[in-house]
Structures are given as structure tokens and as C-alpha cells.
N, C-alpha and C. Protein backbone atom coordinates (compact mmCIF):
# COMPACT_ATOMS: atom_id res chain seq x y z
N MET A 1 104.79 97.75 117.04
CA MET A 1 104.99 96.44 116.44
C MET A 1 106.21 96.49 115.52
N ILE A 2 107.17 95.61 115.77
CA ILE A 2 108.38 95.56 114.96
C ILE A 2 108.28 94.39 113.99
N ILE A 3 108.28 94.70 112.70
CA ILE A 3 108.18 93.68 111.67
C ILE A 3 109.44 93.73 110.80
N PRO A 4 110.20 92.65 110.74
CA PRO A 4 111.39 92.66 109.89
C PRO A 4 111.02 92.73 108.42
N LYS A 5 111.91 93.28 107.60
CA LYS A 5 111.66 93.39 106.17
C LYS A 5 111.63 92.00 105.52
N GLN A 6 110.80 91.88 104.49
CA GLN A 6 110.73 90.64 103.75
C GLN A 6 111.89 90.59 102.75
N LYS A 7 112.73 89.59 102.87
CA LYS A 7 113.92 89.48 102.03
C LYS A 7 113.56 89.42 100.55
N GLY A 8 114.23 90.27 99.77
CA GLY A 8 114.02 90.29 98.33
C GLY A 8 112.86 91.14 97.86
N PHE A 9 112.09 91.66 98.81
CA PHE A 9 110.91 92.44 98.48
C PHE A 9 111.20 93.92 98.64
N SER A 10 110.73 94.73 97.68
CA SER A 10 110.95 96.17 97.76
C SER A 10 109.74 96.93 97.21
N PHE A 11 109.61 98.17 97.63
CA PHE A 11 108.51 99.03 97.19
C PHE A 11 109.06 100.39 96.80
N ASP A 12 108.77 100.81 95.57
CA ASP A 12 109.16 102.13 95.08
C ASP A 12 107.99 103.06 95.32
N ALA A 13 108.10 103.89 96.36
CA ALA A 13 106.98 104.77 96.73
C ALA A 13 106.70 105.81 95.66
N LEU A 14 107.72 106.26 94.95
CA LEU A 14 107.53 107.28 93.92
C LEU A 14 106.71 106.73 92.75
N LEU A 15 107.04 105.54 92.31
CA LEU A 15 106.32 104.91 91.19
C LEU A 15 105.17 104.04 91.65
N HIS A 16 105.10 103.85 92.96
CA HIS A 16 104.11 102.95 93.58
C HIS A 16 104.17 101.57 92.92
N LYS A 17 105.37 101.01 92.88
CA LYS A 17 105.59 99.71 92.27
C LYS A 17 106.25 98.76 93.28
N TYR A 18 105.76 97.54 93.29
CA TYR A 18 106.31 96.51 94.15
C TYR A 18 107.14 95.53 93.30
N SER A 19 108.20 95.02 93.91
CA SER A 19 109.00 94.03 93.20
C SER A 19 109.57 93.01 94.18
N PHE A 20 109.82 91.82 93.65
CA PHE A 20 110.42 90.75 94.45
C PHE A 20 111.50 90.08 93.59
N ASP A 21 112.71 90.10 94.10
CA ASP A 21 113.86 89.54 93.38
C ASP A 21 113.94 90.07 91.95
N GLY A 22 113.64 91.37 91.81
CA GLY A 22 113.75 92.03 90.51
C GLY A 22 112.52 91.95 89.64
N GLY A 23 111.56 91.11 89.99
CA GLY A 23 110.34 90.99 89.19
C GLY A 23 109.21 91.83 89.76
N THR A 24 108.38 92.40 88.89
CA THR A 24 107.27 93.25 89.33
C THR A 24 106.16 92.40 89.95
N ILE A 25 105.60 92.89 91.05
CA ILE A 25 104.50 92.23 91.74
C ILE A 25 103.23 93.06 91.57
N MET A 26 102.14 92.41 91.21
CA MET A 26 100.86 93.10 91.07
C MET A 26 100.33 93.52 92.43
N SER A 27 99.80 94.75 92.51
CA SER A 27 99.21 95.21 93.77
C SER A 27 97.73 94.81 93.81
N ASN A 28 97.14 94.91 94.99
CA ASN A 28 95.72 94.57 95.10
C ASN A 28 94.85 95.54 94.30
N THR A 29 95.23 96.82 94.28
CA THR A 29 94.43 97.78 93.53
C THR A 29 94.60 97.59 92.02
N GLU A 30 95.79 97.19 91.59
CA GLU A 30 96.01 96.87 90.17
C GLU A 30 95.15 95.68 89.76
N ALA A 31 95.06 94.70 90.64
CA ALA A 31 94.25 93.52 90.34
C ALA A 31 92.78 93.89 90.17
N LEU A 32 92.29 94.75 91.04
CA LEU A 32 90.89 95.17 90.96
C LEU A 32 90.63 96.00 89.71
N SER A 33 91.61 96.78 89.31
CA SER A 33 91.47 97.61 88.11
C SER A 33 91.56 96.77 86.84
N LEU A 34 92.58 95.93 86.76
CA LEU A 34 92.79 95.13 85.55
C LEU A 34 91.69 94.10 85.34
N SER A 35 91.10 93.63 86.43
CA SER A 35 90.01 92.66 86.32
C SER A 35 88.70 93.31 85.90
N GLY A 36 88.66 94.66 85.96
CA GLY A 36 87.47 95.38 85.54
C GLY A 36 86.52 95.75 86.67
N ILE A 37 86.87 95.44 87.90
CA ILE A 37 86.00 95.78 89.03
C ILE A 37 86.05 97.27 89.34
N VAL A 38 87.23 97.85 89.20
CA VAL A 38 87.40 99.29 89.42
C VAL A 38 87.71 99.93 88.07
N ASP A 39 87.00 100.99 87.72
CA ASP A 39 87.20 101.65 86.43
C ASP A 39 87.15 103.16 86.62
N TYR A 40 88.31 103.81 86.45
CA TYR A 40 88.39 105.26 86.61
C TYR A 40 88.35 105.99 85.26
N ARG A 41 88.14 105.25 84.18
CA ARG A 41 88.25 105.86 82.86
C ARG A 41 87.21 106.94 82.59
N PHE A 42 86.07 106.87 83.31
CA PHE A 42 85.02 107.86 83.07
C PHE A 42 85.34 109.21 83.70
N LEU A 43 86.33 109.25 84.58
CA LEU A 43 86.67 110.51 85.25
C LEU A 43 87.47 111.42 84.33
N PRO A 44 87.14 112.72 84.29
CA PRO A 44 87.97 113.67 83.53
C PRO A 44 89.40 113.65 84.08
N GLU A 45 90.38 113.80 83.19
CA GLU A 45 91.78 113.72 83.61
C GLU A 45 92.11 114.73 84.70
N ALA A 46 91.61 115.96 84.56
CA ALA A 46 91.90 117.00 85.55
C ALA A 46 91.33 116.63 86.91
N ALA A 47 90.10 116.12 86.91
CA ALA A 47 89.46 115.73 88.17
C ALA A 47 90.20 114.58 88.82
N SER A 48 90.64 113.63 87.99
CA SER A 48 91.37 112.49 88.50
C SER A 48 92.69 112.92 89.13
N PHE A 49 93.40 113.83 88.47
CA PHE A 49 94.68 114.31 88.99
C PHE A 49 94.48 115.05 90.31
N ALA A 50 93.44 115.90 90.38
CA ALA A 50 93.17 116.66 91.61
C ALA A 50 92.85 115.72 92.76
N ALA A 51 92.05 114.69 92.49
CA ALA A 51 91.68 113.74 93.53
C ALA A 51 92.89 112.98 94.03
N LEU A 52 93.77 112.58 93.10
CA LEU A 52 94.98 111.87 93.48
C LEU A 52 95.89 112.74 94.33
N LYS A 53 95.99 114.03 93.98
CA LYS A 53 96.85 114.95 94.72
C LYS A 53 96.35 115.14 96.14
N ILE A 54 95.04 115.36 96.30
CA ILE A 54 94.46 115.52 97.63
C ILE A 54 94.66 114.24 98.44
N GLY A 55 94.37 113.10 97.81
CA GLY A 55 94.51 111.83 98.50
C GLY A 55 95.94 111.59 98.95
N SER A 56 96.90 111.92 98.09
CA SER A 56 98.31 111.74 98.43
C SER A 56 98.72 112.64 99.59
N ASP A 57 98.28 113.88 99.56
CA ASP A 57 98.63 114.83 100.63
C ASP A 57 98.00 114.43 101.96
N VAL A 58 96.76 113.95 101.91
CA VAL A 58 96.09 113.51 103.13
C VAL A 58 96.79 112.28 103.70
N ALA A 59 97.19 111.37 102.83
CA ALA A 59 97.89 110.17 103.28
C ALA A 59 99.18 110.53 104.00
N LYS A 60 99.94 111.48 103.44
CA LYS A 60 101.20 111.87 104.05
C LYS A 60 100.97 112.63 105.35
N ALA A 61 100.00 113.53 105.36
CA ALA A 61 99.73 114.32 106.56
C ALA A 61 99.28 113.44 107.72
N THR A 62 98.38 112.48 107.45
CA THR A 62 97.90 111.61 108.52
C THR A 62 99.00 110.67 109.00
N GLU A 63 99.87 110.26 108.08
CA GLU A 63 100.99 109.42 108.49
C GLU A 63 101.92 110.18 109.45
N LEU A 64 102.25 111.41 109.09
CA LEU A 64 103.10 112.22 109.95
C LEU A 64 102.42 112.47 111.30
N TYR A 65 101.12 112.73 111.25
CA TYR A 65 100.36 112.97 112.48
C TYR A 65 100.41 111.74 113.39
N ASP A 66 100.19 110.56 112.82
CA ASP A 66 100.19 109.34 113.62
C ASP A 66 101.56 109.02 114.21
N LYS A 67 102.60 109.46 113.52
CA LYS A 67 103.96 109.21 114.00
C LYS A 67 104.45 110.32 114.93
N GLY A 68 103.58 111.29 115.21
CA GLY A 68 103.94 112.38 116.10
C GLY A 68 104.93 113.35 115.50
N LEU A 69 104.94 113.44 114.17
CA LEU A 69 105.88 114.32 113.47
C LEU A 69 105.16 115.56 112.94
N PRO A 70 105.88 116.68 112.74
CA PRO A 70 105.26 117.90 112.22
C PRO A 70 104.66 117.67 110.82
N TRP A 71 103.46 118.15 110.62
CA TRP A 71 102.83 117.96 109.31
C TRP A 71 102.22 119.26 108.76
N LYS A 72 101.99 120.25 109.61
CA LYS A 72 101.24 121.43 109.19
C LYS A 72 101.99 122.32 108.21
N VAL A 73 103.31 122.36 108.30
CA VAL A 73 104.08 123.26 107.43
C VAL A 73 103.80 122.97 105.95
N ASP A 74 103.87 121.70 105.58
CA ASP A 74 103.69 121.32 104.18
C ASP A 74 102.27 120.90 103.83
N PHE A 75 101.47 120.57 104.85
CA PHE A 75 100.17 119.98 104.55
C PHE A 75 99.01 120.64 105.29
N ASP A 76 99.18 121.90 105.64
CA ASP A 76 98.10 122.58 106.37
C ASP A 76 96.83 122.70 105.53
N HIS A 77 96.96 122.63 104.20
CA HIS A 77 95.79 122.75 103.32
C HIS A 77 94.85 121.55 103.45
N VAL A 78 95.31 120.46 104.06
CA VAL A 78 94.43 119.31 104.25
C VAL A 78 94.06 119.15 105.73
N ARG A 79 94.17 120.22 106.49
CA ARG A 79 93.87 120.18 107.93
C ARG A 79 92.50 119.56 108.24
N PRO A 80 91.41 119.92 107.51
CA PRO A 80 90.11 119.32 107.85
C PRO A 80 90.10 117.80 107.75
N TYR A 81 90.85 117.26 106.80
CA TYR A 81 90.91 115.81 106.65
C TYR A 81 91.65 115.17 107.83
N VAL A 82 92.69 115.84 108.30
CA VAL A 82 93.42 115.35 109.47
C VAL A 82 92.53 115.43 110.71
N GLU A 83 91.75 116.49 110.81
CA GLU A 83 90.81 116.62 111.93
C GLU A 83 89.78 115.50 111.89
N ALA A 84 89.33 115.14 110.70
CA ALA A 84 88.38 114.04 110.55
C ALA A 84 89.03 112.73 111.00
N TRP A 85 90.29 112.52 110.63
CA TRP A 85 91.03 111.34 111.04
C TRP A 85 91.18 111.30 112.55
N ARG A 86 91.50 112.43 113.13
CA ARG A 86 91.64 112.51 114.59
C ARG A 86 90.32 112.16 115.27
N ALA A 87 89.21 112.64 114.72
CA ALA A 87 87.90 112.36 115.29
C ALA A 87 87.58 110.87 115.23
N PHE A 88 87.91 110.24 114.12
CA PHE A 88 87.69 108.80 113.99
C PHE A 88 88.52 108.04 115.02
N LYS A 89 89.79 108.38 115.15
CA LYS A 89 90.66 107.70 116.09
C LYS A 89 90.13 107.80 117.51
N THR A 90 89.61 108.96 117.85
CA THR A 90 89.06 109.16 119.19
C THR A 90 87.81 108.32 119.40
N ALA A 91 86.90 108.37 118.44
CA ALA A 91 85.63 107.65 118.56
C ALA A 91 85.83 106.13 118.63
N TYR A 92 86.78 105.63 117.86
CA TYR A 92 87.03 104.18 117.81
C TYR A 92 88.15 103.73 118.73
N GLU A 93 88.75 104.68 119.45
CA GLU A 93 89.88 104.38 120.33
C GLU A 93 90.97 103.64 119.54
N PHE A 94 91.23 104.15 118.36
CA PHE A 94 92.12 103.46 117.44
C PHE A 94 93.59 103.81 117.68
N LYS A 95 94.41 102.75 117.72
CA LYS A 95 95.85 102.91 117.88
C LYS A 95 96.56 102.10 116.79
N PRO A 96 97.14 102.79 115.82
CA PRO A 96 97.78 102.08 114.69
C PRO A 96 98.98 101.24 115.13
N LEU A 97 99.06 100.04 114.55
CA LEU A 97 100.22 99.18 114.74
C LEU A 97 101.06 99.12 113.47
N LEU A 98 100.39 99.21 112.33
CA LEU A 98 101.07 99.27 111.03
C LEU A 98 100.54 100.47 110.26
N ILE A 99 101.46 101.25 109.69
CA ILE A 99 101.10 102.45 108.93
C ILE A 99 101.72 102.36 107.55
N GLU A 100 100.88 102.20 106.53
CA GLU A 100 101.37 102.14 105.14
C GLU A 100 102.55 101.16 105.00
N HIS A 101 102.39 100.00 105.59
CA HIS A 101 103.49 99.02 105.61
C HIS A 101 103.40 98.11 104.38
N PRO A 102 104.38 98.16 103.45
CA PRO A 102 104.34 97.31 102.26
C PRO A 102 104.45 95.83 102.64
N ILE A 103 103.61 95.01 102.02
CA ILE A 103 103.59 93.58 102.31
C ILE A 103 103.50 92.80 101.00
N PHE A 104 104.35 91.79 100.87
CA PHE A 104 104.28 90.87 99.74
C PHE A 104 103.61 89.59 100.22
N VAL A 105 102.45 89.29 99.67
CA VAL A 105 101.71 88.09 100.04
C VAL A 105 102.16 86.97 99.10
N ALA A 106 103.22 86.30 99.49
CA ALA A 106 103.90 85.37 98.59
C ALA A 106 103.03 84.19 98.18
N ASP A 107 102.19 83.69 99.08
CA ASP A 107 101.41 82.49 98.74
C ASP A 107 100.31 82.77 97.73
N LEU A 108 99.84 84.02 97.64
CA LEU A 108 98.81 84.38 96.66
C LEU A 108 99.37 85.22 95.52
N GLY A 109 100.55 85.81 95.72
CA GLY A 109 101.20 86.52 94.63
C GLY A 109 100.71 87.93 94.37
N TYR A 110 100.56 88.73 95.40
CA TYR A 110 100.24 90.14 95.23
C TYR A 110 100.88 90.93 96.36
N ALA A 111 100.87 92.25 96.23
CA ALA A 111 101.44 93.11 97.27
C ALA A 111 100.47 94.24 97.58
N THR A 112 100.63 94.81 98.76
CA THR A 112 99.76 95.90 99.17
C THR A 112 100.40 96.65 100.34
N SER A 113 99.89 97.85 100.60
CA SER A 113 100.34 98.64 101.75
C SER A 113 99.10 99.15 102.48
N PRO A 114 98.56 98.37 103.43
CA PRO A 114 97.36 98.80 104.14
C PRO A 114 97.55 100.18 104.77
N ASP A 115 96.54 101.04 104.62
CA ASP A 115 96.64 102.36 105.23
C ASP A 115 96.93 102.25 106.72
N ARG A 116 96.07 101.50 107.40
CA ARG A 116 96.27 101.31 108.84
C ARG A 116 95.78 99.94 109.27
N TYR A 117 96.50 99.40 110.25
CA TYR A 117 96.07 98.19 110.96
C TYR A 117 96.38 98.44 112.42
N GLY A 118 95.42 98.16 113.30
CA GLY A 118 95.71 98.40 114.70
C GLY A 118 94.57 98.05 115.63
N ASP A 119 94.77 98.38 116.90
CA ASP A 119 93.80 98.09 117.94
C ASP A 119 92.72 99.17 117.98
N SER A 120 91.50 98.73 118.33
CA SER A 120 90.39 99.67 118.44
C SER A 120 89.39 99.15 119.46
N ALA A 121 88.34 99.90 119.67
CA ALA A 121 87.30 99.50 120.61
C ALA A 121 86.55 98.26 120.13
N ILE A 122 86.64 97.92 118.85
CA ILE A 122 85.95 96.75 118.32
C ILE A 122 86.93 95.64 117.94
N GLY A 123 88.14 95.74 118.42
CA GLY A 123 89.16 94.75 118.12
C GLY A 123 90.17 95.28 117.12
N ARG A 124 91.02 94.41 116.63
CA ARG A 124 92.01 94.82 115.64
C ARG A 124 91.34 94.98 114.29
N ILE A 125 91.58 96.13 113.66
CA ILE A 125 90.88 96.46 112.42
C ILE A 125 91.82 96.91 111.31
N ILE A 126 91.33 96.77 110.09
CA ILE A 126 91.96 97.33 108.90
C ILE A 126 91.19 98.60 108.56
N VAL A 127 91.90 99.69 108.30
CA VAL A 127 91.25 100.94 107.91
C VAL A 127 91.82 101.42 106.59
N GLN A 128 90.95 101.63 105.63
CA GLN A 128 91.33 102.18 104.33
C GLN A 128 90.73 103.58 104.22
N MET A 129 91.60 104.59 104.16
CA MET A 129 91.14 105.98 104.11
C MET A 129 90.89 106.44 102.69
N LYS A 130 89.80 107.20 102.51
CA LYS A 130 89.46 107.79 101.23
C LYS A 130 89.08 109.26 101.44
N THR A 131 89.33 110.07 100.43
CA THR A 131 88.89 111.47 100.49
C THR A 131 87.65 111.68 99.63
N GLY A 132 87.10 110.59 99.14
CA GLY A 132 85.83 110.62 98.41
C GLY A 132 84.94 109.53 98.97
N ALA A 133 83.81 109.31 98.33
CA ALA A 133 82.88 108.30 98.80
C ALA A 133 83.53 106.91 98.77
N VAL A 134 83.18 106.08 99.73
CA VAL A 134 83.70 104.72 99.82
C VAL A 134 82.85 103.82 98.93
N ALA A 135 83.44 103.31 97.87
CA ALA A 135 82.74 102.44 96.92
C ALA A 135 82.66 101.01 97.47
N PRO A 136 81.71 100.22 96.99
CA PRO A 136 81.58 98.83 97.46
C PRO A 136 82.85 98.00 97.28
N TRP A 137 83.62 98.29 96.20
CA TRP A 137 84.83 97.49 95.95
C TRP A 137 85.89 97.67 97.01
N VAL A 138 85.77 98.70 97.85
CA VAL A 138 86.73 98.89 98.94
C VAL A 138 86.66 97.69 99.90
N GLY A 139 85.51 97.03 99.93
CA GLY A 139 85.41 95.82 100.74
C GLY A 139 86.39 94.76 100.27
N LEU A 140 86.57 94.66 98.95
CA LEU A 140 87.54 93.71 98.40
C LEU A 140 88.96 94.16 98.67
N GLN A 141 89.19 95.47 98.57
CA GLN A 141 90.51 96.03 98.85
C GLN A 141 90.92 95.75 100.28
N THR A 142 90.01 95.97 101.22
CA THR A 142 90.33 95.74 102.64
C THR A 142 90.48 94.25 102.94
N ALA A 143 89.75 93.42 102.20
CA ALA A 143 89.89 91.97 102.39
C ALA A 143 91.30 91.52 102.00
N ALA A 144 91.80 92.07 100.88
CA ALA A 144 93.16 91.76 100.45
C ALA A 144 94.18 92.26 101.46
N GLU A 145 93.93 93.43 102.03
CA GLU A 145 94.85 94.00 103.01
C GLU A 145 94.83 93.19 104.31
N GLU A 146 93.65 92.76 104.71
CA GLU A 146 93.53 91.94 105.92
C GLU A 146 94.30 90.63 105.75
N ARG A 147 94.15 90.02 104.58
CA ARG A 147 94.85 88.76 104.31
C ARG A 147 96.36 88.98 104.29
N ALA A 148 96.79 90.14 103.80
CA ALA A 148 98.21 90.48 103.78
C ALA A 148 98.77 90.58 105.19
N VAL A 149 98.03 91.22 106.08
CA VAL A 149 98.48 91.34 107.47
C VAL A 149 98.54 89.96 108.13
N GLU A 150 97.54 89.13 107.85
CA GLU A 150 97.55 87.75 108.39
C GLU A 150 98.81 87.01 107.92
N PHE A 151 99.14 87.16 106.65
CA PHE A 151 100.33 86.50 106.10
C PHE A 151 101.59 87.02 106.77
N LEU A 152 101.68 88.33 106.91
CA LEU A 152 102.87 88.95 107.50
C LEU A 152 103.07 88.52 108.94
N LEU A 153 101.99 88.53 109.73
CA LEU A 153 102.10 88.16 111.14
C LEU A 153 102.43 86.68 111.29
N ALA A 154 101.84 85.84 110.43
CA ALA A 154 102.15 84.41 110.49
C ALA A 154 103.61 84.16 110.16
N LYS A 155 104.10 84.86 109.15
CA LYS A 155 105.52 84.72 108.75
C LYS A 155 106.43 85.21 109.87
N ASN A 156 106.05 86.32 110.49
CA ASN A 156 106.87 86.89 111.55
C ASN A 156 106.91 85.98 112.78
N ASN A 157 105.77 85.29 113.04
CA ASN A 157 105.69 84.41 114.19
C ASN A 157 106.11 82.98 113.86
N LYS A 158 106.51 82.77 112.58
CA LYS A 158 107.00 81.46 112.12
C LYS A 158 105.97 80.35 112.36
N ARG A 159 104.69 80.70 112.09
CA ARG A 159 103.63 79.70 112.18
C ARG A 159 103.65 78.84 110.93
N GLN A 160 103.45 77.55 111.09
CA GLN A 160 103.52 76.63 109.97
C GLN A 160 102.13 76.26 109.42
N GLU A 161 101.09 76.44 110.23
CA GLU A 161 99.76 76.03 109.79
C GLU A 161 99.25 76.95 108.69
N ALA A 162 98.24 76.49 107.98
CA ALA A 162 97.66 77.27 106.88
C ALA A 162 97.10 78.58 107.40
N ILE A 163 97.24 79.62 106.57
CA ILE A 163 96.75 80.94 106.94
C ILE A 163 95.34 81.11 106.41
N ASN A 164 94.37 81.28 107.31
CA ASN A 164 92.98 81.49 106.92
C ASN A 164 92.58 80.48 105.83
N PRO A 165 92.61 79.18 106.13
CA PRO A 165 92.38 78.14 105.12
C PRO A 165 91.02 78.24 104.44
N ASN A 166 90.03 78.79 105.10
CA ASN A 166 88.69 78.91 104.51
C ASN A 166 88.53 80.17 103.67
N MET A 167 89.58 81.01 103.64
CA MET A 167 89.58 82.24 102.84
C MET A 167 88.36 83.12 103.15
N LEU A 168 88.11 83.32 104.42
CA LEU A 168 86.97 84.15 104.82
C LEU A 168 87.47 85.48 105.38
N SER A 169 86.73 86.53 105.09
CA SER A 169 87.07 87.86 105.58
C SER A 169 86.33 88.14 106.89
N SER A 170 86.92 88.97 107.72
CA SER A 170 86.29 89.33 108.99
C SER A 170 85.36 90.53 108.80
N ASP A 171 84.68 90.90 109.86
CA ASP A 171 83.83 92.09 109.83
C ASP A 171 84.52 93.28 110.48
N ARG A 172 85.83 93.21 110.58
CA ARG A 172 86.60 94.30 111.20
C ARG A 172 87.43 95.03 110.14
N ARG A 173 86.75 95.38 109.05
CA ARG A 173 87.36 96.11 107.95
C ARG A 173 86.55 97.37 107.70
N ILE A 174 87.23 98.50 107.67
CA ILE A 174 86.53 99.79 107.57
C ILE A 174 87.04 100.62 106.41
N GLY A 175 86.11 101.08 105.60
CA GLY A 175 86.39 102.08 104.59
C GLY A 175 86.02 103.43 105.17
N LEU A 176 86.98 104.33 105.26
CA LEU A 176 86.76 105.58 105.98
C LEU A 176 86.82 106.78 105.05
N GLU A 177 85.68 107.44 104.86
CA GLU A 177 85.65 108.67 104.07
C GLU A 177 85.97 109.86 104.96
N LEU A 178 87.09 110.50 104.69
CA LEU A 178 87.47 111.72 105.40
C LEU A 178 86.96 112.90 104.59
N LYS A 179 86.20 113.77 105.22
CA LYS A 179 85.54 114.86 104.50
C LYS A 179 86.23 116.20 104.71
N SER A 180 86.03 117.09 103.74
CA SER A 180 86.68 118.40 103.77
C SER A 180 86.11 119.32 104.83
N ASN A 181 85.02 118.92 105.49
CA ASN A 181 84.46 119.74 106.57
C ASN A 181 84.87 119.24 107.95
N GLY A 182 85.81 118.28 107.98
CA GLY A 182 86.32 117.79 109.25
C GLY A 182 85.56 116.62 109.84
N SER A 183 84.54 116.14 109.12
CA SER A 183 83.78 114.99 109.59
C SER A 183 84.21 113.74 108.83
N TYR A 184 83.65 112.61 109.21
CA TYR A 184 84.00 111.36 108.54
C TYR A 184 82.77 110.45 108.45
N LYS A 185 82.87 109.48 107.56
CA LYS A 185 81.84 108.45 107.45
C LYS A 185 82.53 107.10 107.37
N ALA A 186 82.27 106.24 108.35
CA ALA A 186 82.91 104.93 108.40
C ALA A 186 81.95 103.87 107.86
N THR A 187 82.43 103.09 106.89
CA THR A 187 81.66 101.98 106.33
C THR A 187 82.33 100.68 106.74
N ARG A 188 81.59 99.88 107.47
CA ARG A 188 82.14 98.61 107.95
C ARG A 188 81.74 97.49 106.99
N PHE A 189 82.73 96.76 106.51
CA PHE A 189 82.48 95.67 105.57
C PHE A 189 82.37 94.35 106.33
N THR A 190 81.29 93.64 106.07
CA THR A 190 81.00 92.43 106.85
C THR A 190 80.84 91.18 106.00
N ASP A 191 80.93 91.30 104.67
CA ASP A 191 80.73 90.14 103.81
C ASP A 191 81.94 89.21 103.91
N THR A 192 81.71 88.01 104.40
CA THR A 192 82.82 87.08 104.62
C THR A 192 83.40 86.55 103.32
N THR A 193 82.69 86.73 102.19
CA THR A 193 83.20 86.21 100.91
C THR A 193 84.08 87.22 100.17
N ASP A 194 84.32 88.38 100.74
CA ASP A 194 85.09 89.42 100.04
C ASP A 194 86.48 88.94 99.62
N LEU A 195 87.15 88.18 100.45
CA LEU A 195 88.49 87.70 100.10
C LEU A 195 88.42 86.75 98.91
N LYS A 196 87.43 85.88 98.89
CA LYS A 196 87.28 84.94 97.78
C LYS A 196 87.05 85.70 96.47
N VAL A 197 86.25 86.76 96.53
CA VAL A 197 85.99 87.56 95.32
C VAL A 197 87.28 88.24 94.88
N PHE A 198 88.05 88.77 95.84
CA PHE A 198 89.32 89.40 95.47
C PHE A 198 90.26 88.41 94.81
N VAL A 199 90.38 87.22 95.36
CA VAL A 199 91.28 86.21 94.78
C VAL A 199 90.85 85.87 93.36
N ALA A 200 89.54 85.81 93.13
CA ALA A 200 89.04 85.56 91.77
C ALA A 200 89.44 86.71 90.85
N ALA A 201 89.31 87.95 91.34
CA ALA A 201 89.71 89.12 90.54
C ALA A 201 91.21 89.10 90.26
N LEU A 202 91.99 88.69 91.24
CA LEU A 202 93.44 88.60 91.08
C LEU A 202 93.79 87.58 89.99
N THR A 203 93.08 86.46 89.99
CA THR A 203 93.32 85.43 88.98
C THR A 203 93.00 85.95 87.59
N VAL A 204 91.88 86.65 87.45
CA VAL A 204 91.50 87.24 86.16
C VAL A 204 92.53 88.27 85.72
N ALA A 205 92.95 89.11 86.65
CA ALA A 205 93.92 90.17 86.32
C ALA A 205 95.24 89.58 85.85
N LYS A 206 95.71 88.54 86.50
CA LYS A 206 96.97 87.91 86.10
C LYS A 206 96.82 87.26 84.71
N TYR A 207 95.66 86.67 84.46
CA TYR A 207 95.42 86.09 83.14
C TYR A 207 95.46 87.16 82.06
N LYS A 208 94.78 88.29 82.31
CA LYS A 208 94.74 89.37 81.33
C LYS A 208 96.13 89.95 81.10
N ARG A 209 96.92 90.05 82.15
CA ARG A 209 98.28 90.58 81.99
C ARG A 209 99.14 89.63 81.16
N ARG A 210 98.97 88.33 81.37
CA ARG A 210 99.71 87.36 80.56
C ARG A 210 99.34 87.48 79.09
N GLN A 211 98.04 87.70 78.82
CA GLN A 211 97.58 87.82 77.45
C GLN A 211 98.14 89.08 76.79
N LEU A 212 98.28 90.14 77.57
CA LEU A 212 98.83 91.38 77.03
C LEU A 212 100.29 91.23 76.63
N ARG A 213 100.98 90.29 77.27
CA ARG A 213 102.40 90.09 77.02
C ARG A 213 102.65 89.13 75.86
N THR A 214 101.61 88.47 75.39
CA THR A 214 101.79 87.50 74.30
C THR A 214 101.44 88.12 72.95
């Protein structure tokens, strides 16, 4: 799938920051955190850093694997997680169309980079990979990512009609726990109101950010 870049939109992978025409754009995960739905403050700093490092390495290794590029030299330490990803792809007959593709959802005012979007045995799906347990809020995260893909495809196809006017989420969203023993656990999110809840969280997060600036 060839998707042209969104004019004026950029993503700094090192800082994990999105911007549009020089202004910072809130990400979907920032919205969930700032609204209070996601809270990592209880985690010890060392544990949090270790989890982020593993997650980052797994993300890079699986991306290289999906693109048919060498990954073992730098990321062989996460081999079991890649094996788990391979097992999922086989079981679901999954073929990625978008891999970590940054998207600016201009009509709602947030940005995100869905882990994967592509074809599968159950239709086109959003997959969010985790190296820990999949929390319920991942349903909101995947809803935001699904809406982002809808926006991107509509923009690319120059459709003029409203995008998902009822703001309903599909049941083709998966939170995927990749385990260190090479297995996986797939959680399928089916609540159609997940997108509406995310948009409410986004509104709260933007309000709180405005208050912090005053």
C-alpha cells in the first residue's frame, strides 16, 4: 500500500513527538495518559525503563522482520518475541499493509502510529503489540488507531463523505501480548463505543493541557 505523506506533518521517532506546521500534536497514548485512563506512576522507574527497552527492541525487530530485513544481529535477544509474532501472523494469515505509519487525524486533532494494519483471515485488522499483559485501555488505543487509518485512507482516496459519522469502533481490533517463551495471547476488542470513549478522553486531555499552560 502506497500512502503519500501528509503535507506539513512530521514525526520525530527519537523523541516520539508529532508536529504539524511547527505545532506539537497530541498522540493517542498521550491523551489516554493525560486524561487519567492510563497511569504508569505506580511502576518503579527501573522496571518502567526495562519494559520500555524491551518493547522498543521488539518493535524494531518485528518491523525489520516484516520488511524482510536482517534483524538478528542487533536484536537476537528478543528472538522469542519475534517467534511469537511469526506464530500470530501464521495463525491469523496476517499480511501487514501499514507498519508503524505515522498519521495525523486532522479532523479530531491527534496523531498516532498504529503498530500494524493489514489483511487477515478475519478481515482487515488493527494490531497493537505489547510485551506485557494487554490492559482494557488498549481497546481505546486501537479504536483511535482504527479511526486514524480510516481518516488516512479516506484522504488518500479523496472521499468527501463523513468518515465513520456514527463514531463506532469495529470488532477487528486486536491487542497482542507477545511472550518471552515464544507464545502469544490475542485479545479482540469488540466494544463499539471505544472510539467515543477515546474522543471523550482526548477532549479531557486537551482541556487539562490548556489549563497547564495558563
